[in-house]
Amino acid sequence: GDTSVIQPTYQGGRLYYISDRSGFYNIYRAGFEGSILPMRADFGGPAPGWQLGQQGFTFMPGKDGRLVAQYSKDGSSVMLTANVSDGRAPATDVKEYSGKKDGLPMMFGGVVAGEGNDLY
């Protein structure tokens, strides 16, 4: 069937992208058969994925290189981090953050890495 591919980006010499081939906009890495984050969640963000600047995932700068992604769950935004730098898939050490307990607003869209460990 038809599959869409959106938001391609390179990290550590590897191509990552979002695709809906599973029925959800999951994150994939070229060369690995399945999603690196196989979840029943859409990581594409609230706007059309082909809109310039839209990014549902990014990577922390520096050696850490952890994947940071955003999706919606039960009416709230969730941010997750995962280890993909070791080349294994699916991702390991996946952690989710959401709401006031984690210092996040109820809703936010997309993620952009800044200097150091800052995310916007």
C-alpha atoms as a PDB file:
ATOM      1  CA  GLY A   1       0.000   0.000   0.000  1.00  0.00           C
ATOM      2  CA  ASP A   2       0.820   3.657   0.006  1.00  0.00           C
ATOM      3  CA  THR A   3       3.162   4.931   2.683  1.00  0.00           C
ATOM      4  CA  SER A   4       4.153   8.476   3.528  1.00  0.00           C
ATOM      5  CA  VAL A   5       7.603   9.500   4.748  1.00  0.00           C
ATOM      6  CA  ILE A   6       8.033  12.837   6.537  1.00  0.00           C
ATOM      7  CA  GLN A   7      10.563  14.787   8.608  1.00  0.00           C
ATOM      8  CA  PRO A   8      13.822  13.095   7.495  1.00  0.00           C
ATOM      9  CA  THR A   9      16.957  13.956   9.450  1.00  0.00           C
ATOM     10  CA  TYR A  10      20.505  12.638   9.847  1.00  0.00           C
ATOM     11  CA  GLN A  11      22.102  11.808  13.176  1.00  0.00           C
ATOM     12  CA  GLY A  12      25.441  10.070  13.613  1.00  0.00           C
ATOM     13  CA  GLY A  13      25.607   9.244   9.893  1.00  0.00           C
ATOM     14  CA  ARG A  14      22.204   7.496   9.968  1.00  0.00           C
ATOM     15  CA  LEU A  15      18.963   8.585   8.315  1.00  0.00           C
ATOM     16  CA  TYR A  16      15.906   8.803  10.598  1.00  0.00           C
ATOM     17  CA  TYR A  17      12.379   9.593   9.432  1.00  0.00           C
ATOM     18  CA  ILE A  18       8.701   9.290  10.323  1.00  0.00           C
ATOM     19  CA  SER A  19       6.496   6.933   8.319  1.00  0.00           C
ATOM     20  CA  ASP A  20       2.905   5.732   8.603  1.00  0.00           C
ATOM     21  CA  ARG A  21       3.562   2.213   7.305  1.00  0.00           C
ATOM     22  CA  SER A  22       2.451   0.702  10.655  1.00  0.00           C
ATOM     23  CA  GLY A  23      -0.778   2.704  10.656  1.00  0.00           C
ATOM     24  CA  PHE A  24       0.782   5.245  13.038  1.00  0.00           C
ATOM     25  CA  TYR A  25       3.397   7.922  12.327  1.00  0.00           C
ATOM     26  CA  ASN A  26       6.283   6.087  14.004  1.00  0.00           C
ATOM     27  CA  ILE A  27      10.009   6.859  13.863  1.00  0.00           C
ATOM     28  CA  TYR A  28      12.236   4.679  11.672  1.00  0.00           C
ATOM     29  CA  ARG A  29      15.939   4.399  10.890  1.00  0.00           C
ATOM     30  CA  ALA A  30      17.067   3.518   7.384  1.00  0.00           C
ATOM     31  CA  GLY A  31      18.465  -0.008   7.292  1.00  0.00           C
ATOM     32  CA  PHE A  32      16.268  -1.328  10.121  1.00  0.00           C
ATOM     33  CA  GLU A  33      13.076  -3.149   9.130  1.00  0.00           C
ATOM     34  CA  GLY A  34      10.682  -1.957  11.865  1.00  0.00           C
ATOM     35  CA  SER A  35      10.101   1.201  13.838  1.00  0.00           C
ATOM     36  CA  ILE A  36      12.759   2.095  16.381  1.00  0.00           C
ATOM     37  CA  LEU A  37       9.880   3.183  18.670  1.00  0.00           C
ATOM     38  CA  PRO A  38       7.065   0.744  17.891  1.00  0.00           C
ATOM     39  CA  MET A  39       4.142   2.443  19.632  1.00  0.00           C
ATOM     40  CA  ARG A  40       0.479   3.055  18.955  1.00  0.00           C
ATOM     41  CA  ALA A  41       1.246   6.782  18.751  1.00  0.00           C
ATOM     42  CA  ASP A  42       1.742   9.446  16.087  1.00  0.00           C
ATOM     43  CA  PHE A  43       5.069  11.298  16.310  1.00  0.00           C
ATOM     44  CA  GLY A  44       4.356  13.541  13.310  1.00  0.00           C
ATOM     45  CA  GLY A  45       3.127  16.479  15.392  1.00  0.00           C
ATOM     46  CA  PRO A  46      -0.058  18.550  15.167  1.00  0.00           C
ATOM     47  CA  ALA A  47       0.616  20.228  11.788  1.00  0.00           C
ATOM     48  CA  PRO A  48       1.131  18.582   8.409  1.00  0.00           C
ATOM     49  CA  GLY A  49       4.533  16.888   8.457  1.00  0.00           C
ATOM     50  CA  TRP A  50       5.623  18.469   5.215  1.00  0.00           C
ATOM     51  CA  GLN A  51       5.329  21.991   6.676  1.00  0.00           C
ATOM     52  CA  LEU A  52       8.761  23.593   6.935  1.00  0.00           C
ATOM     53  CA  GLY A  53      10.178  23.564  10.444  1.00  0.00           C
ATOM     54  CA  GLN A  54       7.810  20.882  11.739  1.00  0.00           C
ATOM     55  CA  GLN A  55       9.749  18.262  13.679  1.00  0.00           C
ATOM     56  CA  GLY A  56       8.157  15.652  15.946  1.00  0.00           C
ATOM     57  CA  PHE A  57      11.565  14.391  17.044  1.00  0.00           C
ATOM     58  CA  THR A  58      15.140  15.569  17.429  1.00  0.00           C
ATOM     59  CA  PHE A  59      18.414  14.468  19.007  1.00  0.00           C
ATOM     60  CA  MET A  60      20.229  15.883  22.009  1.00  0.00           C
ATOM     61  CA  PRO A  61      23.450  17.590  20.945  1.00  0.00           C
ATOM     62  CA  GLY A  62      26.872  16.267  21.845  1.00  0.00           C
ATOM     63  CA  LYS A  63      27.984  12.760  22.672  1.00  0.00           C
ATOM     64  CA  ASP A  64      24.703  11.765  24.331  1.00  0.00           C
ATOM     65  CA  GLY A  65      22.722  11.881  21.087  1.00  0.00           C
ATOM     66  CA  ARG A  66      19.527  10.683  22.787  1.00  0.00           C
ATOM     67  CA  LEU A  67      16.383  10.772  20.698  1.00  0.00           C
ATOM     68  CA  VAL A  68      13.733  13.184  21.992  1.00  0.00           C
ATOM     69  CA  ALA A  69      10.200  12.894  20.600  1.00  0.00           C
ATOM     70  CA  GLN A  70       6.726  14.295  21.245  1.00  0.00           C
ATOM     71  CA  TYR A  71       3.297  12.702  20.890  1.00  0.00           C
ATOM     72  CA  SER A  72      -0.212  13.148  22.317  1.00  0.00           C
ATOM     73  CA  LYS A  73      -1.797  10.778  24.829  1.00  0.00           C
ATOM     74  CA  ASP A  74      -5.182  11.215  26.517  1.00  0.00           C
ATOM     75  CA  GLY A  75      -5.385  14.879  25.487  1.00  0.00           C
ATOM     76  CA  SER A  76      -1.932  15.855  26.743  1.00  0.00           C
ATOM     77  CA  SER A  77       1.494  16.088  25.164  1.00  0.00           C
ATOM     78  CA  VAL A  78       4.115  13.530  26.144  1.00  0.00           C
ATOM     79  CA  MET A  79       7.850  13.921  25.637  1.00  0.00           C
ATOM     80  CA  LEU A  80      10.015  10.862  25.578  1.00  0.00           C
ATOM     81  CA  THR A  81      13.716  10.222  25.440  1.00  0.00           C
ATOM     82  CA  ALA A  82      15.361   7.065  24.145  1.00  0.00           C
ATOM     83  CA  ASN A  83      18.813   5.666  23.468  1.00  0.00           C
ATOM     84  CA  VAL A  84      19.380   5.048  19.755  1.00  0.00           C
ATOM     85  CA  SER A  85      23.068   5.949  19.615  1.00  0.00           C
ATOM     86  CA  ASP A  86      24.243   2.369  20.150  1.00  0.00           C
ATOM     87  CA  GLY A  87      22.785   1.368  16.764  1.00  0.00           C
ATOM     88  CA  ARG A  88      20.463  -1.232  18.261  1.00  0.00           C
ATOM     89  CA  ALA A  89      16.797  -1.162  17.444  1.00  0.00           C
ATOM     90  CA  PRO A  90      14.266  -0.870  18.766  1.00  0.00           C
ATOM     91  CA  ALA A  91      15.390   1.963  21.012  1.00  0.00           C
ATOM     92  CA  THR A  92      16.455   1.259  24.587  1.00  0.00           C
ATOM     93  CA  ASP A  93      16.117   3.156  27.871  1.00  0.00           C
ATOM     94  CA  VAL A  94      12.826   4.810  26.829  1.00  0.00           C
ATOM     95  CA  LYS A  95      11.525   7.357  29.378  1.00  0.00           C
ATOM     96  CA  GLU A  96       8.297   9.390  29.195  1.00  0.00           C
ATOM     97  CA  TYR A  97       7.641  12.839  30.682  1.00  0.00           C
ATOM     98  CA  SER A  98       4.384  14.798  30.831  1.00  0.00           C
ATOM     99  CA  GLY A  99       2.465  17.424  32.751  1.00  0.00           C
ATOM    100  CA  LYS A 100       3.240  19.533  35.767  1.00  0.00           C
ATOM    101  CA  LYS A 101       5.035  16.751  37.655  1.00  0.00           C
ATOM    102  CA  ASP A 102       7.741  16.873  34.973  1.00  0.00           C
ATOM    103  CA  GLY A 103       7.620  20.665  34.473  1.00  0.00           C
ATOM    104  CA  LEU A 104       5.900  20.515  31.082  1.00  0.00           C
ATOM    105  CA  PRO A 105       2.804  22.302  29.781  1.00  0.00           C
ATOM    106  CA  MET A 106      -0.298  20.230  29.103  1.00  0.00           C
ATOM    107  CA  MET A 107       0.067  20.671  25.338  1.00  0.00           C
ATOM    108  CA  PHE A 108       3.092  21.477  23.179  1.00  0.00           C
ATOM    109  CA  GLY A 109       4.029  20.683  19.611  1.00  0.00           C
ATOM    110  CA  GLY A 110       7.318  19.531  18.197  1.00  0.00           C
ATOM    111  CA  VAL A 111      10.789  19.619  19.721  1.00  0.00           C
ATOM    112  CA  VAL A 112      13.978  21.431  18.727  1.00  0.00           C
ATOM    113  CA  ALA A 113      17.375  20.908  20.349  1.00  0.00           C
ATOM    114  CA  GLY A 114      19.236  24.010  21.452  1.00  0.00           C
ATOM    115  CA  GLU A 115      22.615  24.553  23.068  1.00  0.00           C
ATOM    116  CA  GLY A 116      23.742  22.125  25.755  1.00  0.00           C
ATOM    117  CA  ASN A 117      20.752  20.176  27.034  1.00  0.00           C
ATOM    118  CA  ASP A 118      18.115  22.804  26.181  1.00  0.00           C
ATOM    119  CA  LEU A 119      15.000  21.804  24.277  1.00  0.00           C
ATOM    120  CA  TYR A 120      12.504  24.175  22.674  1.00  0.00           C
END
